[in-house]
Each structure stands twice: as structure tokens, then as C-alpha cells.
């Protein structure tokens, strides 16, 4: 839990103090959405026999950054703090600065920002 809370705090969600030691934590997101994290032990406590999915890519989140340079900076910060780089920042053909890092559980987190338009 501690690694996941630290990772997602870098992306903006505000988890309460002490969340690192909890089995279940929540952070409010814009628009009334919430990001919920549970430890495997917590899930097993109410779903006996549950087994975690295997492999990576079980889910993916996307974070819109304010600028292409923020994509680069956030990518560098996350990788320097221990996140695994999946796709280094690049200027995608669909008009975005785009990168992907993996959270502590191997889930993809896309970082993106529209590229400036010429003209």
C-alpha cells in the first residue's frame, strides 16, 4: 500500500495522512470520482478464495498534463522514484506528447498533453 499511495500522490490524488498503513484508502478526484486502493489482504477479508489477477496491464489510467514539458518532467520524477518506464515520452502522431509508466503493481499509467498546433 505504501508504494502505491506514494506513486499516486505524485500524480495528484490526496490520500489522507497514514494511508500508507491502511488496508483500504480513498482519494477524491475531480467530478466526484474516487480512486480506491485495497491491499490483497483486505480483499480476501470480504471475498474468501479471491486470487489476484496475474500478469500486468489489468487496468490503465491516464493523466492529462498541462504541457508537453510536464509529461517529460513527471515521467522523469516517477522513474527516478522507482516506477518502471513502459514508454518514454514521445510526440505521438495523434498530436500528443505521450508516455507510459507502470505503477507498483504493474498497471499502466499514461501521461499525455496536447502538442502545440502550428500556425
N, C-alpha and C. Protein backbone atom coordinates (compact mmCIF):
# COMPACT_ATOMS: atom_id res chain seq x y z
N UNK A 1 0.82 -1.19 0.00
CA UNK A 1 0.00 0.00 0.00
C UNK A 1 0.87 1.26 0.00
N UNK A 2 1.94 1.23 0.78
CA UNK A 2 2.78 2.42 0.89
C UNK A 2 3.34 2.83 -0.47
N UNK A 3 3.80 1.86 -1.25
CA UNK A 3 4.36 2.18 -2.57
C UNK A 3 3.29 2.76 -3.50
N UNK A 4 2.10 2.20 -3.48
CA UNK A 4 1.02 2.68 -4.34
C UNK A 4 0.56 4.07 -3.94
N UNK A 5 0.40 4.31 -2.64
CA UNK A 5 -0.01 5.64 -2.17
C UNK A 5 1.03 6.68 -2.57
N UNK A 6 2.31 6.37 -2.38
CA UNK A 6 3.37 7.31 -2.75
C UNK A 6 3.36 7.59 -4.25
N UNK A 7 3.19 6.55 -5.07
CA UNK A 7 3.15 6.70 -6.53
C UNK A 7 2.00 7.61 -6.93
N UNK A 8 0.79 7.31 -6.48
CA UNK A 8 -0.37 8.08 -6.92
C UNK A 8 -0.41 9.48 -6.33
N UNK A 9 0.17 9.68 -5.16
CA UNK A 9 0.27 11.05 -4.63
C UNK A 9 1.07 11.94 -5.58
N UNK A 10 2.09 11.38 -6.22
CA UNK A 10 2.88 12.17 -7.17
C UNK A 10 2.04 12.61 -8.37
N UNK A 11 0.95 11.91 -8.63
CA UNK A 11 0.07 12.25 -9.75
C UNK A 11 -1.05 13.20 -9.34
N UNK A 12 -1.17 13.50 -8.05
CA UNK A 12 -2.14 14.49 -7.63
C UNK A 12 -3.17 14.07 -6.61
N UNK A 13 -3.68 12.82 -6.60
CA UNK A 13 -4.69 12.48 -5.60
C UNK A 13 -4.17 12.66 -4.18
N UNK A 14 -5.02 13.21 -3.32
CA UNK A 14 -4.64 13.48 -1.94
C UNK A 14 -5.21 12.39 -1.04
N UNK A 15 -4.39 11.43 -0.70
CA UNK A 15 -4.78 10.40 0.25
C UNK A 15 -4.56 10.95 1.66
N UNK A 16 -5.38 10.53 2.62
CA UNK A 16 -5.23 11.04 3.98
C UNK A 16 -3.89 10.61 4.60
N UNK A 17 -3.45 11.39 5.58
CA UNK A 17 -2.24 11.02 6.33
C UNK A 17 -2.42 9.63 6.92
N UNK A 18 -1.39 8.84 6.91
CA UNK A 18 -1.44 7.49 7.46
C UNK A 18 -1.99 6.45 6.52
N UNK A 19 -2.38 6.86 5.31
CA UNK A 19 -2.97 5.91 4.35
C UNK A 19 -2.02 4.77 4.02
N UNK A 20 -0.73 5.02 4.12
CA UNK A 20 0.26 4.01 3.76
C UNK A 20 0.13 2.73 4.58
N UNK A 21 -0.43 2.84 5.78
CA UNK A 21 -0.53 1.69 6.68
C UNK A 21 -1.92 1.05 6.69
N UNK A 22 -2.82 1.54 5.86
CA UNK A 22 -4.20 1.04 5.85
C UNK A 22 -4.39 -0.07 4.82
N UNK A 23 -5.44 -0.85 5.00
CA UNK A 23 -5.79 -1.89 4.04
C UNK A 23 -6.67 -1.37 2.92
N UNK A 24 -7.36 -0.25 3.15
CA UNK A 24 -8.24 0.39 2.16
C UNK A 24 -8.07 1.90 2.28
N UNK A 25 -7.86 2.57 1.14
CA UNK A 25 -7.75 4.02 1.13
C UNK A 25 -8.51 4.58 -0.06
N UNK A 26 -8.94 5.84 0.08
CA UNK A 26 -9.67 6.52 -1.00
C UNK A 26 -9.16 7.94 -1.14
N UNK A 27 -9.18 8.42 -2.38
CA UNK A 27 -8.86 9.83 -2.67
C UNK A 27 -9.92 10.35 -3.62
N UNK A 28 -10.43 11.54 -3.33
CA UNK A 28 -11.43 12.15 -4.21
C UNK A 28 -10.75 12.73 -5.44
N UNK A 29 -11.37 12.53 -6.59
CA UNK A 29 -10.88 13.06 -7.86
C UNK A 29 -11.87 14.09 -8.38
N UNK A 30 -11.48 14.90 -9.33
CA UNK A 30 -12.42 15.87 -9.91
C UNK A 30 -13.67 15.19 -10.46
N UNK A 31 -14.77 15.89 -10.42
CA UNK A 31 -16.01 15.37 -10.98
C UNK A 31 -16.71 14.35 -10.09
N UNK A 32 -16.27 14.24 -8.84
CA UNK A 32 -16.92 13.31 -7.92
C UNK A 32 -16.41 11.89 -7.99
N UNK A 33 -15.47 11.61 -8.87
CA UNK A 33 -14.90 10.26 -8.95
C UNK A 33 -13.95 10.05 -7.78
N UNK A 34 -13.68 8.78 -7.47
CA UNK A 34 -12.78 8.45 -6.38
C UNK A 34 -11.82 7.36 -6.84
N UNK A 35 -10.59 7.44 -6.34
CA UNK A 35 -9.59 6.40 -6.58
C UNK A 35 -9.50 5.58 -5.30
N UNK A 36 -9.81 4.29 -5.39
CA UNK A 36 -9.79 3.41 -4.23
C UNK A 36 -8.68 2.38 -4.41
N UNK A 37 -7.92 2.17 -3.36
CA UNK A 37 -6.87 1.16 -3.35
C UNK A 37 -7.11 0.22 -2.19
N UNK A 38 -6.97 -1.08 -2.44
CA UNK A 38 -7.10 -2.10 -1.40
C UNK A 38 -5.90 -3.02 -1.44
N UNK A 39 -5.45 -3.47 -0.27
CA UNK A 39 -4.42 -4.49 -0.23
C UNK A 39 -5.07 -5.84 -0.56
N UNK A 40 -4.26 -6.80 -0.95
CA UNK A 40 -4.79 -8.15 -1.22
C UNK A 40 -5.43 -8.72 0.03
N UNK A 41 -4.82 -8.46 1.19
CA UNK A 41 -5.36 -8.97 2.45
C UNK A 41 -6.76 -8.42 2.70
N UNK A 42 -6.97 -7.14 2.41
CA UNK A 42 -8.28 -6.53 2.61
C UNK A 42 -9.33 -7.19 1.72
N UNK A 43 -8.99 -7.39 0.46
CA UNK A 43 -9.95 -8.01 -0.46
C UNK A 43 -10.28 -9.43 -0.01
N UNK A 44 -9.28 -10.18 0.42
CA UNK A 44 -9.52 -11.55 0.88
C UNK A 44 -10.41 -11.58 2.12
N UNK A 45 -10.39 -10.51 2.92
CA UNK A 45 -11.19 -10.49 4.14
C UNK A 45 -12.69 -10.50 3.84
N UNK A 46 -13.09 -9.98 2.68
CA UNK A 46 -14.52 -9.99 2.36
C UNK A 46 -14.83 -10.83 1.12
N UNK A 47 -13.81 -11.40 0.49
CA UNK A 47 -14.02 -12.30 -0.65
C UNK A 47 -13.13 -13.52 -0.49
N UNK A 48 -13.49 -14.42 0.42
CA UNK A 48 -12.67 -15.61 0.65
C UNK A 48 -12.44 -16.37 -0.67
N UNK A 49 -11.23 -16.85 -0.85
CA UNK A 49 -10.90 -17.59 -2.06
C UNK A 49 -10.47 -16.71 -3.22
N UNK A 50 -10.56 -15.40 -3.06
CA UNK A 50 -10.16 -14.48 -4.14
C UNK A 50 -8.67 -14.62 -4.42
N UNK A 51 -8.33 -14.56 -5.69
CA UNK A 51 -6.92 -14.56 -6.11
C UNK A 51 -6.69 -13.35 -6.99
N UNK A 52 -5.57 -12.69 -6.80
CA UNK A 52 -5.30 -11.51 -7.63
C UNK A 52 -5.11 -11.91 -9.09
N UNK A 53 -5.50 -11.05 -10.01
CA UNK A 53 -5.25 -11.33 -11.43
C UNK A 53 -3.75 -11.49 -11.66
N UNK A 54 -3.39 -12.29 -12.62
CA UNK A 54 -1.97 -12.48 -12.90
C UNK A 54 -1.56 -11.62 -14.08
N UNK A 55 -0.29 -11.30 -14.12
CA UNK A 55 0.24 -10.52 -15.23
C UNK A 55 0.00 -9.04 -15.04
N UNK A 56 0.54 -8.28 -15.97
CA UNK A 56 0.43 -6.83 -15.93
C UNK A 56 -0.72 -6.37 -16.81
N UNK A 57 -1.00 -5.07 -16.75
CA UNK A 57 -2.00 -4.49 -17.63
C UNK A 57 -3.42 -4.82 -17.26
N UNK A 58 -3.68 -5.05 -15.98
CA UNK A 58 -5.04 -5.37 -15.55
C UNK A 58 -5.95 -4.17 -15.66
N UNK A 59 -5.38 -2.99 -15.57
CA UNK A 59 -6.15 -1.76 -15.69
C UNK A 59 -5.19 -0.67 -16.16
N UNK A 60 -5.73 0.43 -16.61
CA UNK A 60 -4.88 1.54 -17.04
C UNK A 60 -5.56 2.85 -16.70
N UNK A 61 -4.77 3.81 -16.29
CA UNK A 61 -5.27 5.15 -16.01
C UNK A 61 -4.53 6.11 -16.93
N UNK A 62 -5.13 7.26 -17.18
CA UNK A 62 -4.48 8.28 -17.99
C UNK A 62 -4.51 9.60 -17.22
N UNK A 63 -3.39 10.33 -17.27
CA UNK A 63 -3.26 11.60 -16.58
C UNK A 63 -2.95 12.67 -17.62
N UNK A 64 -3.85 13.65 -17.74
CA UNK A 64 -3.60 14.76 -18.66
C UNK A 64 -2.72 15.79 -17.96
N UNK A 65 -1.61 16.09 -18.58
CA UNK A 65 -0.66 17.08 -18.04
C UNK A 65 -0.95 18.42 -18.69
N UNK A 66 -0.47 19.50 -18.06
CA UNK A 66 -0.73 20.84 -18.56
C UNK A 66 0.09 21.21 -19.79
N UNK A 67 1.19 20.52 -20.01
CA UNK A 67 2.06 20.85 -21.15
C UNK A 67 2.91 19.65 -21.52
N UNK A 68 3.45 19.64 -22.73
CA UNK A 68 4.38 18.56 -23.10
C UNK A 68 5.58 18.48 -22.15
N UNK A 69 6.07 19.62 -21.69
CA UNK A 69 7.22 19.59 -20.77
C UNK A 69 6.84 18.96 -19.43
N UNK A 70 5.57 19.10 -19.03
CA UNK A 70 5.14 18.45 -17.79
C UNK A 70 5.12 16.94 -17.95
N UNK A 71 4.76 16.45 -19.13
CA UNK A 71 4.82 15.00 -19.39
C UNK A 71 6.25 14.52 -19.13
N UNK A 72 7.21 15.21 -19.73
CA UNK A 72 8.62 14.82 -19.57
C UNK A 72 9.05 14.88 -18.11
N UNK A 73 8.70 15.96 -17.41
CA UNK A 73 9.12 16.14 -16.02
C UNK A 73 8.48 15.11 -15.10
N UNK A 74 7.20 14.86 -15.27
CA UNK A 74 6.51 13.89 -14.42
C UNK A 74 7.01 12.48 -14.69
N UNK A 75 7.23 12.16 -15.96
CA UNK A 75 7.80 10.86 -16.31
C UNK A 75 9.15 10.68 -15.60
N UNK A 76 10.03 11.68 -15.71
CA UNK A 76 11.35 11.61 -15.09
C UNK A 76 11.24 11.46 -13.58
N UNK A 77 10.35 12.23 -12.95
CA UNK A 77 10.18 12.15 -11.50
C UNK A 77 9.73 10.77 -11.07
N UNK A 78 8.75 10.21 -11.78
CA UNK A 78 8.23 8.90 -11.41
C UNK A 78 9.28 7.81 -11.59
N UNK A 79 10.01 7.86 -12.70
CA UNK A 79 11.05 6.85 -12.95
C UNK A 79 12.18 6.99 -11.93
N UNK A 80 12.57 8.21 -11.62
CA UNK A 80 13.62 8.43 -10.61
C UNK A 80 13.19 7.92 -9.24
N UNK A 81 11.88 7.93 -8.97
CA UNK A 81 11.39 7.46 -7.67
C UNK A 81 11.15 5.95 -7.66
N UNK A 82 11.44 5.27 -8.78
CA UNK A 82 11.34 3.82 -8.79
C UNK A 82 10.30 3.22 -9.71
N UNK A 83 9.46 4.04 -10.33
CA UNK A 83 8.46 3.49 -11.27
C UNK A 83 9.17 2.94 -12.50
N UNK A 84 8.59 1.93 -13.09
CA UNK A 84 9.18 1.33 -14.30
C UNK A 84 8.67 2.06 -15.53
N UNK A 85 9.59 2.44 -16.40
CA UNK A 85 9.24 3.11 -17.65
C UNK A 85 8.74 2.07 -18.65
N UNK A 86 7.55 2.29 -19.17
CA UNK A 86 6.99 1.40 -20.19
C UNK A 86 7.22 2.00 -21.58
N UNK A 87 7.02 3.31 -21.70
CA UNK A 87 7.18 4.01 -22.98
C UNK A 87 7.69 5.41 -22.69
N UNK A 88 8.90 5.69 -23.14
CA UNK A 88 9.49 7.01 -22.89
C UNK A 88 8.70 8.08 -23.63
N UNK A 89 8.73 9.32 -23.13
CA UNK A 89 7.97 10.41 -23.77
C UNK A 89 8.34 10.57 -25.25
N UNK A 90 7.30 10.76 -26.05
CA UNK A 90 7.48 10.97 -27.49
C UNK A 90 6.33 11.78 -28.03
N UNK A 91 6.52 12.38 -29.18
CA UNK A 91 5.47 13.14 -29.84
C UNK A 91 4.68 12.19 -30.74
N UNK A 92 3.50 11.80 -30.26
CA UNK A 92 2.68 10.82 -30.96
C UNK A 92 2.04 11.43 -32.21
N UNK A 93 1.80 10.59 -33.19
CA UNK A 93 1.23 11.04 -34.46
C UNK A 93 -0.18 11.60 -34.29
N UNK A 94 -0.86 11.28 -33.18
CA UNK A 94 -2.22 11.79 -32.95
C UNK A 94 -2.22 13.15 -32.24
N UNK A 95 -1.02 13.78 -32.13
CA UNK A 95 -0.95 15.15 -31.65
C UNK A 95 -0.79 15.33 -30.15
N UNK A 96 -0.19 14.34 -29.50
CA UNK A 96 0.04 14.45 -28.06
C UNK A 96 1.49 14.10 -27.72
N UNK A 97 2.00 14.73 -26.67
CA UNK A 97 3.22 14.25 -26.02
C UNK A 97 2.73 13.14 -25.13
N UNK A 98 3.34 11.95 -25.21
CA UNK A 98 2.76 10.76 -24.63
C UNK A 98 3.84 9.90 -24.01
N UNK A 99 3.56 9.32 -22.85
CA UNK A 99 4.48 8.41 -22.18
C UNK A 99 3.67 7.46 -21.31
N UNK A 100 4.28 6.34 -20.93
CA UNK A 100 3.61 5.38 -20.06
C UNK A 100 4.60 4.90 -19.00
N UNK A 101 4.15 4.92 -17.73
CA UNK A 101 4.89 4.33 -16.63
C UNK A 101 4.01 3.26 -16.01
N UNK A 102 4.63 2.36 -15.25
CA UNK A 102 3.87 1.32 -14.56
C UNK A 102 3.84 1.63 -13.07
N UNK A 103 2.67 1.49 -12.47
CA UNK A 103 2.56 1.71 -11.03
C UNK A 103 3.20 0.53 -10.30
N UNK A 104 3.26 0.55 -8.97
CA UNK A 104 3.94 -0.53 -8.25
C UNK A 104 3.36 -1.92 -8.50
N UNK A 105 2.12 -2.01 -8.96
CA UNK A 105 1.50 -3.30 -9.25
C UNK A 105 1.55 -3.67 -10.72
N UNK A 106 2.24 -2.87 -11.54
CA UNK A 106 2.38 -3.18 -12.96
C UNK A 106 1.27 -2.66 -13.83
N UNK A 107 0.39 -1.80 -13.30
CA UNK A 107 -0.68 -1.21 -14.10
C UNK A 107 -0.15 0.00 -14.86
N UNK A 108 -0.56 0.13 -16.11
CA UNK A 108 -0.12 1.24 -16.94
C UNK A 108 -0.76 2.55 -16.53
N UNK A 109 0.06 3.61 -16.52
CA UNK A 109 -0.43 4.96 -16.28
C UNK A 109 0.10 5.82 -17.42
N UNK A 110 -0.83 6.26 -18.29
CA UNK A 110 -0.46 7.08 -19.45
C UNK A 110 -0.36 8.54 -19.01
N UNK A 111 0.69 9.20 -19.45
CA UNK A 111 0.87 10.63 -19.23
C UNK A 111 0.77 11.29 -20.59
N UNK A 112 -0.05 12.33 -20.73
CA UNK A 112 -0.19 12.94 -22.05
C UNK A 112 -0.52 14.41 -21.96
N UNK A 113 -0.24 15.12 -23.03
CA UNK A 113 -0.62 16.53 -23.17
C UNK A 113 -0.71 16.83 -24.65
N UNK A 114 -1.69 17.64 -25.06
CA UNK A 114 -1.75 18.02 -26.46
C UNK A 114 -0.46 18.76 -26.86
N UNK A 115 -0.02 18.50 -28.09
CA UNK A 115 1.13 19.23 -28.63
C UNK A 115 0.65 20.58 -29.15
N UNK A 116 1.51 21.59 -29.11
CA UNK A 116 1.12 22.89 -29.67
C UNK A 116 0.82 22.72 -31.16
N UNK A 117 -0.17 23.43 -31.61
CA UNK A 117 -0.51 23.40 -33.04
C UNK A 117 0.23 24.52 -33.75
N UNK A 118 0.69 24.24 -34.96
CA UNK A 118 1.39 25.25 -35.73
C UNK A 118 0.41 26.22 -36.35
N UNK A 119 0.90 27.39 -36.66
CA UNK A 119 0.02 28.29 -37.39
C UNK A 119 -0.14 29.60 -36.85
